[in-house]
PDB file of N, CA and C in Angstrom:
ATOM      1  N   UNK A   1     103.064  85.548 149.286  1.00  0.00           N
ATOM      2  CA  UNK A   1     103.745  85.149 147.526  1.00  0.00           C
ATOM      3  C   UNK A   1     102.066  85.846 147.156  1.00  0.00           C
ATOM      4  N   UNK A   2     102.175  87.239 146.101  1.00  0.00           N
ATOM      5  CA  UNK A   2     101.155  87.992 145.640  1.00  0.00           C
ATOM      6  C   UNK A   2     100.293  87.220 144.774  1.00  0.00           C
ATOM      7  N   UNK A   3      99.112  87.775 144.795  1.00  0.00           N
ATOM      8  CA  UNK A   3      98.412  87.245 143.871  1.00  0.00           C
ATOM      9  C   UNK A   3      98.804  86.635 142.227  1.00  0.00           C
ATOM     10  N   UNK A   4      99.146  87.618 141.529  1.00  0.00           N
ATOM     11  CA  UNK A   4     100.637  87.956 140.285  1.00  0.00           C
ATOM     12  C   UNK A   4     100.704  86.718 140.369  1.00  0.00           C
ATOM     13  N   UNK A   5     101.701  86.875 141.426  1.00  0.00           N
ATOM     14  CA  UNK A   5     102.840  85.443 141.343  1.00  0.00           C
ATOM     15  C   UNK A   5     101.681  84.214 140.982  1.00  0.00           C
ATOM     16  N   UNK A   6     101.146  83.953 141.871  1.00  0.00           N
ATOM     17  CA  UNK A   6     100.748  83.106 142.005  1.00  0.00           C
ATOM     18  C   UNK A   6      99.809  82.524 140.714  1.00  0.00           C
ATOM     19  N   UNK A   7      99.020  83.622 139.840  1.00  0.00           N
ATOM     20  CA  UNK A   7      98.310  82.809 138.970  1.00  0.00           C
ATOM     21  C   UNK A   7      98.737  82.438 138.088  1.00  0.00           C
ATOM     22  N   UNK A   8      98.380  81.173 137.389  1.00  0.00           N
ATOM     23  CA  UNK A   8      98.760  80.462 136.426  1.00  0.00           C
ATOM     24  C   UNK A   8      99.630  79.655 136.544  1.00  0.00           C
ATOM     25  N   UNK A   9      99.784  79.734 137.660  1.00  0.00           N
ATOM     26  CA  UNK A   9     101.611  79.123 138.019  1.00  0.00           C
ATOM     27  C   UNK A   9     101.422  77.846 137.931  1.00  0.00           C
ATOM     28  N   UNK A  10     102.070  76.893 137.329  1.00  0.00           N
ATOM     29  CA  UNK A  10     101.792  75.248 136.959  1.00  0.00           C
ATOM     30  C   UNK A  10     102.701  74.502 137.474  1.00  0.00           C
ATOM     31  N   UNK A  11     103.260  73.395 138.083  1.00  0.00           N
ATOM     32  CA  UNK A  11     103.475  72.681 138.503  1.00  0.00           C
ATOM     33  C   UNK A  11     104.138  71.465 137.127  1.00  0.00           C
ATOM     34  N   UNK A  12     105.437  71.153 136.835  1.00  0.00           N
ATOM     35  CA  UNK A  12     105.409  70.298 135.808  1.00  0.00           C
ATOM     36  C   UNK A  12     105.679  69.093 135.825  1.00  0.00           C
ATOM     37  N   UNK A  13     105.141  68.066 135.510  1.00  0.00           N
ATOM     38  CA  UNK A  13     105.326  66.787 135.942  1.00  0.00           C
ATOM     39  C   UNK A  13     106.092  66.376 134.498  1.00  0.00           C
ATOM     40  N   UNK A  14     106.547  66.523 133.920  1.00  0.00           N
ATOM     41  CA  UNK A  14     107.824  66.571 132.439  1.00  0.00           C
ATOM     42  C   UNK A  14     108.880  66.834 132.899  1.00  0.00           C
ATOM     43  N   UNK A  15     110.207  65.744 132.563  1.00  0.00           N
ATOM     44  CA  UNK A  15     111.140  66.469 132.835  1.00  0.00           C
ATOM     45  C   UNK A  15     111.744  67.307 131.354  1.00  0.00           C
ATOM     46  N   UNK A  16     111.942  68.346 132.306  1.00  0.00           N
ATOM     47  CA  UNK A  16     113.048  69.498 131.076  1.00  0.00           C
ATOM     48  C   UNK A  16     113.725  70.167 131.981  1.00  0.00           C
ATOM     49  N   UNK A  17     114.805  69.612 131.211  1.00  0.00           N
ATOM     50  CA  UNK A  17     116.446  70.257 131.569  1.00  0.00           C
ATOM     51  C   UNK A  17     116.633  71.612 131.226  1.00  0.00           C
ATOM     52  N   UNK A  18     116.957  72.343 132.061  1.00  0.00           N
ATOM     53  CA  UNK A  18     117.332  73.712 131.939  1.00  0.00           C
ATOM     54  C   UNK A  18     119.119  74.110 131.385  1.00  0.00           C
ATOM     55  N   UNK A  19     119.427  74.455 130.510  1.00  0.00           N
ATOM     56  CA  UNK A  19     120.805  75.247 129.990  1.00  0.00           C
ATOM     57  C   UNK A  19     120.874  76.467 129.772  1.00  0.00           C
ATOM     58  N   UNK A  20     122.276  76.398 130.108  1.00  0.00           N
ATOM     59  CA  UNK A  20     123.002  77.720 130.003  1.00  0.00           C
ATOM     60  C   UNK A  20     123.036  77.609 128.402  1.00  0.00           C
ATOM     61  N   UNK A  21     122.141  79.041 127.813  1.00  0.00           N
ATOM     62  CA  UNK A  21     121.660  79.289 126.499  1.00  0.00           C
ATOM     63  C   UNK A  21     123.723  79.122 125.404  1.00  0.00           C
ATOM     64  N   UNK A  22     124.672  80.241 125.989  1.00  0.00           N
ATOM     65  CA  UNK A  22     125.659  79.969 125.629  1.00  0.00           C
ATOM     66  C   UNK A  22     126.968  78.561 125.273  1.00  0.00           C
ATOM     67  N   UNK A  23     127.007  78.196 126.353  1.00  0.00           N
ATOM     68  CA  UNK A  23     127.289  77.023 127.231  1.00  0.00           C
ATOM     69  C   UNK A  23     126.940  76.058 126.922  1.00  0.00           C
ATOM     70  N   UNK A  24     125.887  75.438 126.445  1.00  0.00           N
ATOM     71  CA  UNK A  24     125.154  74.267 127.228  1.00  0.00           C
ATOM     72  C   UNK A  24     124.979  73.802 128.205  1.00  0.00           C
ATOM     73  N   UNK A  25     126.022  74.410 129.294  1.00  0.00           N
ATOM     74  CA  UNK A  25     125.845  74.159 130.957  1.00  0.00           C
ATOM     75  C   UNK A  25     124.747  73.835 131.254  1.00  0.00           C
ATOM     76  N   UNK A  26     124.297  72.398 131.388  1.00  0.00           N
ATOM     77  CA  UNK A  26     123.214  71.528 132.076  1.00  0.00           C
ATOM     78  C   UNK A  26     123.160  72.741 133.393  1.00  0.00           C
ATOM     79  N   UNK A  27     122.148  73.367 133.659  1.00  0.00           N
ATOM     80  CA  UNK A  27     121.949  74.210 134.925  1.00  0.00           C
ATOM     81  C   UNK A  27     121.030  73.441 136.206  1.00  0.00           C
ATOM     82  N   UNK A  28     119.928  72.669 135.635  1.00  0.00           N
ATOM     83  CA  UNK A  28     118.890  72.056 136.909  1.00  0.00           C
ATOM     84  C   UNK A  28     118.203  71.831 135.829  1.00  0.00           C
ATOM     85  N   UNK A  29     117.327  71.694 136.311  1.00  0.00           N
ATOM     86  CA  UNK A  29     115.576  71.155 135.130  1.00  0.00           C
ATOM     87  C   UNK A  29     113.929  72.166 136.075  1.00  0.00           C
ATOM     88  N   UNK A  30     113.468  72.378 135.605  1.00  0.00           N
ATOM     89  CA  UNK A  30     112.706  72.578 135.719  1.00  0.00           C
ATOM     90  C   UNK A  30     110.886  72.555 136.879  1.00  0.00           C
ATOM     91  N   UNK A  31     110.710  73.543 137.355  1.00  0.00           N
ATOM     92  CA  UNK A  31     109.920  72.624 138.834  1.00  0.00           C
ATOM     93  C   UNK A  31     108.324  73.202 138.518  1.00  0.00           C
ATOM     94  N   UNK A  32     108.685  74.759 138.021  1.00  0.00           N
ATOM     95  CA  UNK A  32     107.194  75.241 137.109  1.00  0.00           C
ATOM     96  C   UNK A  32     107.368  76.403 136.784  1.00  0.00           C
ATOM     97  N   UNK A  33     106.130  76.839 136.565  1.00  0.00           N
ATOM     98  CA  UNK A  33     106.519  78.196 135.562  1.00  0.00           C
ATOM     99  C   UNK A  33     105.132  78.684 135.142  1.00  0.00           C
ATOM    100  N   UNK A  34     105.085  79.919 135.306  1.00  0.00           N
ATOM    101  CA  UNK A  34     104.043  80.734 134.235  1.00  0.00           C
ATOM    102  C   UNK A  34     104.425  81.465 133.289  1.00  0.00           C
ATOM    103  N   UNK A  35     103.695  82.370 132.512  1.00  0.00           N
ATOM    104  CA  UNK A  35     103.601  83.115 131.718  1.00  0.00           C
ATOM    105  C   UNK A  35     105.041  84.712 132.300  1.00  0.00           C
ATOM    106  N   UNK A  36     104.964  84.314 133.573  1.00  0.00           N
ATOM    107  CA  UNK A  36     105.814  85.813 133.872  1.00  0.00           C
ATOM    108  C   UNK A  36     107.517  84.988 134.399  1.00  0.00           C
ATOM    109  N   UNK A  37     107.591  83.861 134.132  1.00  0.00           N
ATOM    110  CA  UNK A  37     108.439  83.269 134.972  1.00  0.00           C
ATOM    111  C   UNK A  37     108.759  81.576 135.534  1.00  0.00           C
ATOM    112  N   UNK A  38     110.092  81.123 135.747  1.00  0.00           N
ATOM    113  CA  UNK A  38     110.216  79.677 136.078  1.00  0.00           C
ATOM    114  C   UNK A  38     111.066  79.568 136.835  1.00  0.00           C
ATOM    115  N   UNK A  39     111.074  78.003 138.207  1.00  0.00           N
ATOM    116  CA  UNK A  39     111.210  77.897 138.750  1.00  0.00           C
ATOM    117  C   UNK A  39     112.196  77.059 138.913  1.00  0.00           C
ATOM    118  N   UNK A  40     113.746  76.937 138.748  1.00  0.00           N
ATOM    119  CA  UNK A  40     114.413  76.132 138.327  1.00  0.00           C
ATOM    120  C   UNK A  40     115.301  75.555 139.158  1.00  0.00           C
ATOM    121  N   UNK A  41     114.919  74.324 139.553  1.00  0.00           N
ATOM    122  CA  UNK A  41     116.242  73.334 140.603  1.00  0.00           C
ATOM    123  C   UNK A  41     117.103  72.978 140.469  1.00  0.00           C
ATOM    124  N   UNK A  42     118.528  72.867 140.687  1.00  0.00           N
ATOM    125  CA  UNK A  42     119.742  73.153 140.773  1.00  0.00           C
ATOM    126  C   UNK A  42     120.366  72.840 141.901  1.00  0.00           C
ATOM    127  N   UNK A  43     121.884  72.292 141.564  1.00  0.00           N
ATOM    128  CA  UNK A  43     122.860  72.285 142.824  1.00  0.00           C
ATOM    129  C   UNK A  43     123.027  73.449 143.509  1.00  0.00           C
ATOM    130  N   UNK A  44     123.851  74.172 142.639  1.00  0.00           N
ATOM    131  CA  UNK A  44     124.417  75.222 143.081  1.00  0.00           C
ATOM    132  C   UNK A  44     123.304  76.385 142.914  1.00  0.00           C
ATOM    133  N   UNK A  45     123.192  77.753 143.547  1.00  0.00           N
ATOM    134  CA  UNK A  45     122.464  78.952 142.907  1.00  0.00           C
ATOM    135  C   UNK A  45     123.156  79.628 141.703  1.00  0.00           C
ATOM    136  N   UNK A  46     122.217  80.505 141.226  1.00  0.00           N
ATOM    137  CA  UNK A  46     122.444  81.262 140.253  1.00  0.00           C
ATOM    138  C   UNK A  46     123.294  82.175 140.761  1.00  0.00           C
ATOM    139  N   UNK A  47     123.857  82.952 140.517  1.00  0.00           N
ATOM    140  CA  UNK A  47     124.869  84.053 141.026  1.00  0.00           C
ATOM    141  C   UNK A  47     124.250  85.578 139.947  1.00  0.00           C
ATOM    142  N   UNK A  48     124.068  86.678 140.744  1.00  0.00           N
ATOM    143  CA  UNK A  48     123.492  87.945 140.010  1.00  0.00           C
ATOM    144  C   UNK A  48     121.779  87.488 139.711  1.00  0.00           C
ATOM    145  N   UNK A  49     122.264  89.367 139.353  1.00  0.00           N
ATOM    146  CA  UNK A  49     120.498  89.048 138.898  1.00  0.00           C
ATOM    147  C   UNK A  49     120.363  89.708 137.496  1.00  0.00           C
ATOM    148  N   UNK A  50     121.526  89.834 135.960  1.00  0.00           N
ATOM    149  CA  UNK A  50     121.918  89.418 135.407  1.00  0.00           C
ATOM    150  C   UNK A  50     121.328  88.679 133.783  1.00  0.00           C
ATOM    151  N   UNK A  51     120.089  90.007 133.259  1.00  0.00           N
ATOM    152  CA  UNK A  51     119.508  88.971 132.193  1.00  0.00           C
ATOM    153  C   UNK A  51     120.444  87.651 131.652  1.00  0.00           C
ATOM    154  N   UNK A  52     119.870  86.842 131.351  1.00  0.00           N
ATOM    155  CA  UNK A  52     120.819  85.522 130.436  1.00  0.00           C
ATOM    156  C   UNK A  52     119.069  84.573 129.947  1.00  0.00           C
ATOM    157  N   UNK A  53     120.011  84.358 129.152  1.00  0.00           N
ATOM    158  CA  UNK A  53     119.026  83.026 127.954  1.00  0.00           C
ATOM    159  C   UNK A  53     119.166  81.946 128.477  1.00  0.00           C
ATOM    160  N   UNK A  54     117.996  81.458 127.997  1.00  0.00           N
ATOM    161  CA  UNK A  54     118.196  80.050 128.561  1.00  0.00           C
ATOM    162  C   UNK A  54     117.607  79.515 127.129  1.00  0.00           C
ATOM    163  N   UNK A  55     118.071  77.388 127.388  1.00  0.00           N
ATOM    164  CA  UNK A  55     117.350  76.764 126.755  1.00  0.00           C
ATOM    165  C   UNK A  55     116.470  75.363 127.694  1.00  0.00           C
ATOM    166  N   UNK A  56     114.875  75.641 127.729  1.00  0.00           N
ATOM    167  CA  UNK A  56     114.933  74.764 128.185  1.00  0.00           C
ATOM    168  C   UNK A  56     114.263  73.077 127.602  1.00  0.00           C
ATOM    169  N   UNK A  57     115.157  71.937 127.028  1.00  0.00           N
ATOM    170  CA  UNK A  57     115.291  70.621 126.714  1.00  0.00           C
ATOM    171  C   UNK A  57     113.749  70.398 126.583  1.00  0.00           C
ATOM    172  N   UNK A  58     113.237  69.703 125.520  1.00  0.00           N
ATOM    173  CA  UNK A  58     112.126  68.888 125.526  1.00  0.00           C
ATOM    174  C   UNK A  58     112.126  67.593 125.423  1.00  0.00           C
ATOM    175  N   UNK A  59     111.291  66.610 125.803  1.00  0.00           N
ATOM    176  CA  UNK A  59     112.112  65.471 125.889  1.00  0.00           C
ATOM    177  C   UNK A  59     111.725  65.074 124.099  1.00  0.00           C
ATOM    178  N   UNK A  60     110.260  65.331 124.173  1.00  0.00           N
ATOM    179  CA  UNK A  60     109.260  65.733 122.579  1.00  0.00           C
ATOM    180  C   UNK A  60     108.819  66.110 122.667  1.00  0.00           C
ATOM    181  N   UNK A  61     108.955  66.436 121.090  1.00  0.00           N
ATOM    182  CA  UNK A  61     108.786  68.153 120.551  1.00  0.00           C
ATOM    183  C   UNK A  61     107.481  68.638 121.099  1.00  0.00           C
ATOM    184  N   UNK A  62     107.058  69.764 120.992  1.00  0.00           N
ATOM    185  CA  UNK A  62     105.790  71.214 121.272  1.00  0.00           C
ATOM    186  C   UNK A  62     105.664  72.151 120.266  1.00  0.00           C
ATOM    187  N   UNK A  63     104.326  72.200 119.793  1.00  0.00           N
ATOM    188  CA  UNK A  63     104.704  72.949 118.471  1.00  0.00           C
ATOM    189  C   UNK A  63     105.895  72.804 117.585  1.00  0.00           C
ATOM    190  N   UNK A  64     106.070  72.390 117.058  1.00  0.00           N
ATOM    191  CA  UNK A  64     107.414  71.486 116.052  1.00  0.00           C
ATOM    192  C   UNK A  64     109.110  71.932 116.500  1.00  0.00           C
ATOM    193  N   UNK A  65     108.715  72.290 118.128  1.00  0.00           N
ATOM    194  CA  UNK A  65     109.999  72.942 118.660  1.00  0.00           C
ATOM    195  C   UNK A  65     110.447  71.608 119.690  1.00  0.00           C
ATOM    196  N   UNK A  66     112.298  71.233 119.656  1.00  0.00           N
ATOM    197  CA  UNK A  66     112.368  70.244 120.533  1.00  0.00           C
ATOM    198  C   UNK A  66     113.195  70.789 121.560  1.00  0.00           C
ATOM    199  N   UNK A  67     112.890  72.332 121.664  1.00  0.00           N
ATOM    200  CA  UNK A  67     113.651  73.305 123.364  1.00  0.00           C
ATOM    201  C   UNK A  67     112.728  74.523 123.267  1.00  0.00           C
ATOM    202  N   UNK A  68     113.010  75.025 124.161  1.00  0.00           N
ATOM    203  CA  UNK A  68     112.299  76.661 124.275  1.00  0.00           C
ATOM    204  C   UNK A  68     113.275  77.720 124.668  1.00  0.00           C
ATOM    205  N   UNK A  69     113.600  78.743 123.794  1.00  0.00           N
ATOM    206  CA  UNK A  69     114.846  79.968 124.672  1.00  0.00           C
ATOM    207  C   UNK A  69     114.266  80.492 125.560  1.00  0.00           C
ATOM    208  N   UNK A  70     114.459  80.963 126.608  1.00  0.00           N
ATOM    209  CA  UNK A  70     113.563  82.464 126.792  1.00  0.00           C
ATOM    210  C   UNK A  70     115.133  83.083 127.608  1.00  0.00           C
ATOM    211  N   UNK A  71     114.699  83.986 127.465  1.00  0.00           N
ATOM    212  CA  UNK A  71     115.479  85.333 127.807  1.00  0.00           C
ATOM    213  C   UNK A  71     114.567  85.639 129.845  1.00  0.00           C
ATOM    214  N   UNK A  72     115.224  85.923 130.943  1.00  0.00           N
ATOM    215  CA  UNK A  72     114.812  85.868 132.126  1.00  0.00           C
ATOM    216  C   UNK A  72     116.540  86.423 133.176  1.00  0.00           C
ATOM    217  N   UNK A  73     115.544  86.760 134.201  1.00  0.00           N
ATOM    218  CA  UNK A  73     117.238  87.001 135.366  1.00  0.00           C
ATOM    219  C   UNK A  73     116.388  86.673 136.882  1.00  0.00           C
ATOM    220  N   UNK A  74     117.395  86.091 137.681  1.00  0.00           N
ATOM    221  CA  UNK A  74     117.111  85.326 138.707  1.00  0.00           C
ATOM    222  C   UNK A  74     116.314  87.305 139.446  1.00  0.00           C
ATOM    223  N   UNK A  75     115.290  86.871 139.872  1.00  0.00           N
ATOM    224  CA  UNK A  75     115.463  87.265 141.587  1.00  0.00           C
ATOM    225  C   UNK A  75     115.181  86.801 143.143  1.00  0.00           C
ATOM    226  N   UNK A  76     115.359  85.788 142.970  1.00  0.00           N
ATOM    227  CA  UNK A  76     115.599  85.207 144.455  1.00  0.00           C
ATOM    228  C   UNK A  76     116.150  83.513 144.087  1.00  0.00           C
ATOM    229  N   UNK A  77     116.335  83.099 145.476  1.00  0.00           N
ATOM    230  CA  UNK A  77     117.532  81.899 145.691  1.00  0.00           C
ATOM    231  C   UNK A  77     116.448  81.532 146.520  1.00  0.00           C
ATOM    232  N   UNK A  78     116.471  79.903 146.950  1.00  0.00           N
ATOM    233  CA  UNK A  78     115.975  79.706 148.208  1.00  0.00           C
ATOM    234  C   UNK A  78     117.150  78.116 148.306  1.00  0.00           C
ATOM    235  N   UNK A  79     117.374  78.388 149.474  1.00  0.00           N
ATOM    236  CA  UNK A  79     118.794  77.298 150.245  1.00  0.00           C
ATOM    237  C   UNK A  79     118.174  77.127 151.475  1.00  0.00           C
ATOM    238  N   UNK A  80     118.540  75.445 151.403  1.00  0.00           N
ATOM    239  CA  UNK A  80     118.744  75.396 152.429  1.00  0.00           C
ATOM    240  C   UNK A  80     119.065  74.150 153.682  1.00  0.00           C
ATOM    241  N   UNK A  81     119.676  74.019 154.301  1.00  0.00           N
ATOM    242  CA  UNK A  81     121.043  73.299 154.936  1.00  0.00           C
ATOM    243  C   UNK A  81     120.831  71.509 154.620  1.00  0.00           C
ATOM    244  N   UNK A  82     119.401  71.794 155.181  1.00  0.00           N
ATOM    245  CA  UNK A  82     119.505  69.727 154.817  1.00  0.00           C
ATOM    246  C   UNK A  82     118.551  69.377 153.370  1.00  0.00           C
ATOM    247  N   UNK A  83     118.572  70.185 152.372  1.00  0.00           N
ATOM    248  CA  UNK A  83     118.421  70.577 151.073  1.00  0.00           C
ATOM    249  C   UNK A  83     119.339  69.937 149.822  1.00  0.00           C
ATOM    250  N   UNK A  84     118.867  69.482 149.159  1.00  0.00           N
ATOM    251  CA  UNK A  84     120.236  68.541 148.357  1.00  0.00           C
ATOM    252  C   UNK A  84     120.479  69.397 146.764  1.00  0.00           C
ATOM    253  N   UNK A  85     119.222  70.072 147.313  1.00  0.00           N
ATOM    254  CA  UNK A  85     118.508  71.007 145.353  1.00  0.00           C
ATOM    255  C   UNK A  85     118.750  72.633 146.044  1.00  0.00           C
ATOM    256  N   UNK A  86     118.913  73.546 145.317  1.00  0.00           N
ATOM    257  CA  UNK A  86     118.328  74.278 145.233  1.00  0.00           C
ATOM    258  C   UNK A  86     117.215  75.336 144.461  1.00  0.00           C
ATOM    259  N   UNK A  87     116.532  75.740 145.049  1.00  0.00           N
ATOM    260  CA  UNK A  87     115.630  76.476 144.004  1.00  0.00           C
ATOM    261  C   UNK A  87     115.761  78.409 143.861  1.00  0.00           C
ATOM    262  N   UNK A  88     115.935  77.773 142.434  1.00  0.00           N
ATOM    263  CA  UNK A  88     116.164  80.090 141.684  1.00  0.00           C
ATOM    264  C   UNK A  88     114.364  80.473 141.425  1.00  0.00           C
ATOM    265  N   UNK A  89     114.541  81.568 141.854  1.00  0.00           N
ATOM    266  CA  UNK A  89     113.049  82.046 140.748  1.00  0.00           C
ATOM    267  C   UNK A  89     113.651  83.229 139.787  1.00  0.00           C
ATOM    268  N   UNK A  90     113.183  82.696 138.753  1.00  0.00           N
ATOM    269  CA  UNK A  90     113.495  83.223 137.079  1.00  0.00           C
ATOM    270  C   UNK A  90     112.238  84.081 136.490  1.00  0.00           C
ATOM    271  N   UNK A  91     112.376  85.852 136.593  1.00  0.00           N
ATOM    272  CA  UNK A  91     111.435  86.134 135.494  1.00  0.00           C
ATOM    273  C   UNK A  91     111.625  86.462 134.511  1.00  0.00           C
ATOM    274  N   UNK A  92     110.894  86.461 133.576  1.00  0.00           N
ATOM    275  CA  UNK A  92     111.288  86.820 131.759  1.00  0.00           C
ATOM    276  C   UNK A  92     111.271  87.574 131.798  1.00  0.00           C
ATOM    277  N   UNK A  93     112.103  88.670 130.838  1.00  0.00           N
ATOM    278  CA  UNK A  93     112.456  89.452 130.563  1.00  0.00           C
ATOM    279  C   UNK A  93     111.745  89.778 128.907  1.00  0.00           C
ATOM    280  N   UNK A  94     112.188  88.838 128.498  1.00  0.00           N
ATOM    281  CA  UNK A  94     111.529  89.065 126.589  1.00  0.00           C
ATOM    282  C   UNK A  94     110.672  87.875 126.481  1.00  0.00           C
ATOM    283  N   UNK A  95     109.323  87.478 125.945  1.00  0.00           N
ATOM    284  CA  UNK A  95     109.332  86.653 125.101  1.00  0.00           C
ATOM    285  C   UNK A  95     107.890  87.139 123.990  1.00  0.00           C
ATOM    286  N   UNK A  96     108.811  86.823 123.089  1.00  0.00           N
ATOM    287  CA  UNK A  96     107.482  86.229 122.115  1.00  0.00           C
ATOM    288  C   UNK A  96     106.927  86.082 121.664  1.00  0.00           C
ATOM    289  N   UNK A  97     105.426  86.464 120.812  1.00  0.00           N
ATOM    290  CA  UNK A  97     104.168  85.800 120.664  1.00  0.00           C
ATOM    291  C   UNK A  97     104.613  84.364 120.824  1.00  0.00           C
ATOM    292  N   UNK A  98     105.303  83.540 120.104  1.00  0.00           N
ATOM    293  CA  UNK A  98     105.515  82.427 119.910  1.00  0.00           C
ATOM    294  C   UNK A  98     105.833  81.154 120.856  1.00  0.00           C
ATOM    295  N   UNK A  99     107.090  82.240 121.814  1.00  0.00           N
ATOM    296  CA  UNK A  99     107.753  82.005 122.711  1.00  0.00           C
ATOM    297  C   UNK A  99     106.696  81.394 123.930  1.00  0.00           C
ATOM    298  N   UNK A 100     105.415  82.516 124.423  1.00  0.00           N
ATOM    299  CA  UNK A 100     104.718  82.381 125.315  1.00  0.00           C
ATOM    300  C   UNK A 100     103.730  81.493 124.670  1.00  0.00           C
ATOM    301  N   UNK A 101     103.320  81.351 123.620  1.00  0.00           N
ATOM    302  CA  UNK A 101     102.281  80.352 123.225  1.00  0.00           C
ATOM    303  C   UNK A 101     102.613  79.204 123.461  1.00  0.00           C
ATOM    304  N   UNK A 102     104.504  78.526 123.057  1.00  0.00           N
ATOM    305  CA  UNK A 102     105.096  77.055 123.460  1.00  0.00           C
ATOM    306  C   UNK A 102     104.837  77.012 125.263  1.00  0.00           C
ATOM    307  N   UNK A 103     105.667  78.367 126.505  1.00  0.00           N
ATOM    308  CA  UNK A 103     105.274  78.068 127.398  1.00  0.00           C
ATOM    309  C   UNK A 103     103.702  77.729 127.769  1.00  0.00           C
ATOM    310  N   UNK A 104     102.808  78.110 127.347  1.00  0.00           N
ATOM    311  CA  UNK A 104     101.683  78.108 127.178  1.00  0.00           C
ATOM    312  C   UNK A 104     101.160  76.746 126.793  1.00  0.00           C
ATOM    313  N   UNK A 105     101.668  76.302 126.164  1.00  0.00           N
ATOM    314  CA  UNK A 105     101.170  74.746 125.701  1.00  0.00           C
ATOM    315  C   UNK A 105     102.045  73.978 126.539  1.00  0.00           C
ATOM    316  N   UNK A 106     103.365  74.247 127.030  1.00  0.00           N
ATOM    317  CA  UNK A 106     104.199  73.346 127.864  1.00  0.00           C
ATOM    318  C   UNK A 106     102.909  72.919 128.825  1.00  0.00           C
ATOM    319  N   UNK A 107     102.552  74.464 129.930  1.00  0.00           N
ATOM    320  CA  UNK A 107     102.097  74.396 130.768  1.00  0.00           C
ATOM    321  C   UNK A 107     100.766  73.462 130.933  1.00  0.00           C
ATOM    322  N   UNK A 108     100.035  73.300 129.770  1.00  0.00           N
ATOM    323  CA  UNK A 108      98.815  73.072 129.482  1.00  0.00           C
ATOM    324  C   UNK A 108      98.885  71.404 128.788  1.00  0.00           C
ATOM    325  N   UNK A 109      99.990  70.838 128.190  1.00  0.00           N
ATOM    326  CA  UNK A 109      99.862  69.533 128.418  1.00  0.00           C
ATOM    327  C   UNK A 109     100.828  68.858 129.651  1.00  0.00           C
ATOM    328  N   UNK A 110     101.667  69.129 130.696  1.00  0.00           N
ATOM    329  CA  UNK A 110     102.527  69.066 131.408  1.00  0.00           C
ATOM    330  C   UNK A 110     102.426  69.359 133.121  1.00  0.00           C
ATOM    331  N   UNK A 111     101.226  69.925 133.013  1.00  0.00           N
ATOM    332  CA  UNK A 111     100.714  70.771 134.353  1.00  0.00           C
ATOM    333  C   UNK A 111     100.577  69.034 135.435  1.00  0.00           C
ATOM    334  N   UNK A 112     100.981  68.839 136.955  1.00  0.00           N
ATOM    335  CA  UNK A 112     100.765  68.489 137.357  1.00  0.00           C
ATOM    336  C   UNK A 112      99.889  67.801 138.005  1.00  0.00           C
ATOM    337  N   UNK A 113      98.369  67.127 137.683  1.00  0.00           N
ATOM    338  CA  UNK A 113      97.785  67.018 138.263  1.00  0.00           C
ATOM    339  C   UNK A 113      97.452  67.276 139.759  1.00  0.00           C
ATOM    340  N   UNK A 114      97.133  67.993 140.562  1.00  0.00           N
ATOM    341  CA  UNK A 114      97.125  68.351 142.014  1.00  0.00           C
ATOM    342  C   UNK A 114      96.115  67.410 142.925  1.00  0.00           C
ATOM    343  N   UNK A 115      96.111  67.023 143.620  1.00  0.00           N
ATOM    344  CA  UNK A 115      95.425  66.316 144.756  1.00  0.00           C
ATOM    345  C   UNK A 115      93.537  67.252 144.833  1.00  0.00           C
ATOM    346  N   UNK A 116      92.738  66.540 143.702  1.00  0.00           N
ATOM    347  CA  UNK A 116      91.044  66.418 144.808  1.00  0.00           C
ATOM    348  C   UNK A 116      91.156  68.116 143.133  1.00  0.00           C
ATOM    349  N   UNK A 117      92.483  68.438 142.639  1.00  0.00           N
ATOM    350  CA  UNK A 117      91.655  69.522 141.070  1.00  0.00           C
ATOM    351  C   UNK A 117      91.294  68.491 140.422  1.00  0.00           C
ATOM    352  N   UNK A 118      90.322  68.667 139.692  1.00  0.00           N
ATOM    353  CA  UNK A 118      89.621  68.944 138.825  1.00  0.00           C
ATOM    354  C   UNK A 118      90.347  68.301 137.379  1.00  0.00           C
ATOM    355  N   UNK A 119      90.564  67.019 136.554  1.00  0.00           N
ATOM    356  CA  UNK A 119      91.229  66.494 135.588  1.00  0.00           C
ATOM    357  C   UNK A 119      90.705  67.103 134.530  1.00  0.00           C
ATOM    358  N   UNK A 120      91.989  67.324 133.418  1.00  0.00           N
ATOM    359  CA  UNK A 120      92.135  68.668 132.632  1.00  0.00           C
ATOM    360  C   UNK A 120      91.255  67.801 130.852  1.00  0.00           C
TER     361      UNK A 120
END
């Protein structure tokens, strides 16, 4: 994994549903997020690499919002024969300043504390 992809990656210790924007269909759950993209855990792999809009549904408001809308494209999918879930890597294709700040807030407030890492 390149240093750029590693930098700022936060595993989220917070239940965030990821919906397909237009239909409201539940695609899966947020695993980790950076300012550049996110990992989606799902039962089925995402198809294609076209740009899509997603809705990240928050259980409690964050910066006054109950969801975050992002536009991203799938860049990889990992499936294992023995796994129940599929992991999909998505890269943000457009983020305005307000959305970027909400992503940062999500990362700061709900990052999973890593063993041996200093508490925030």
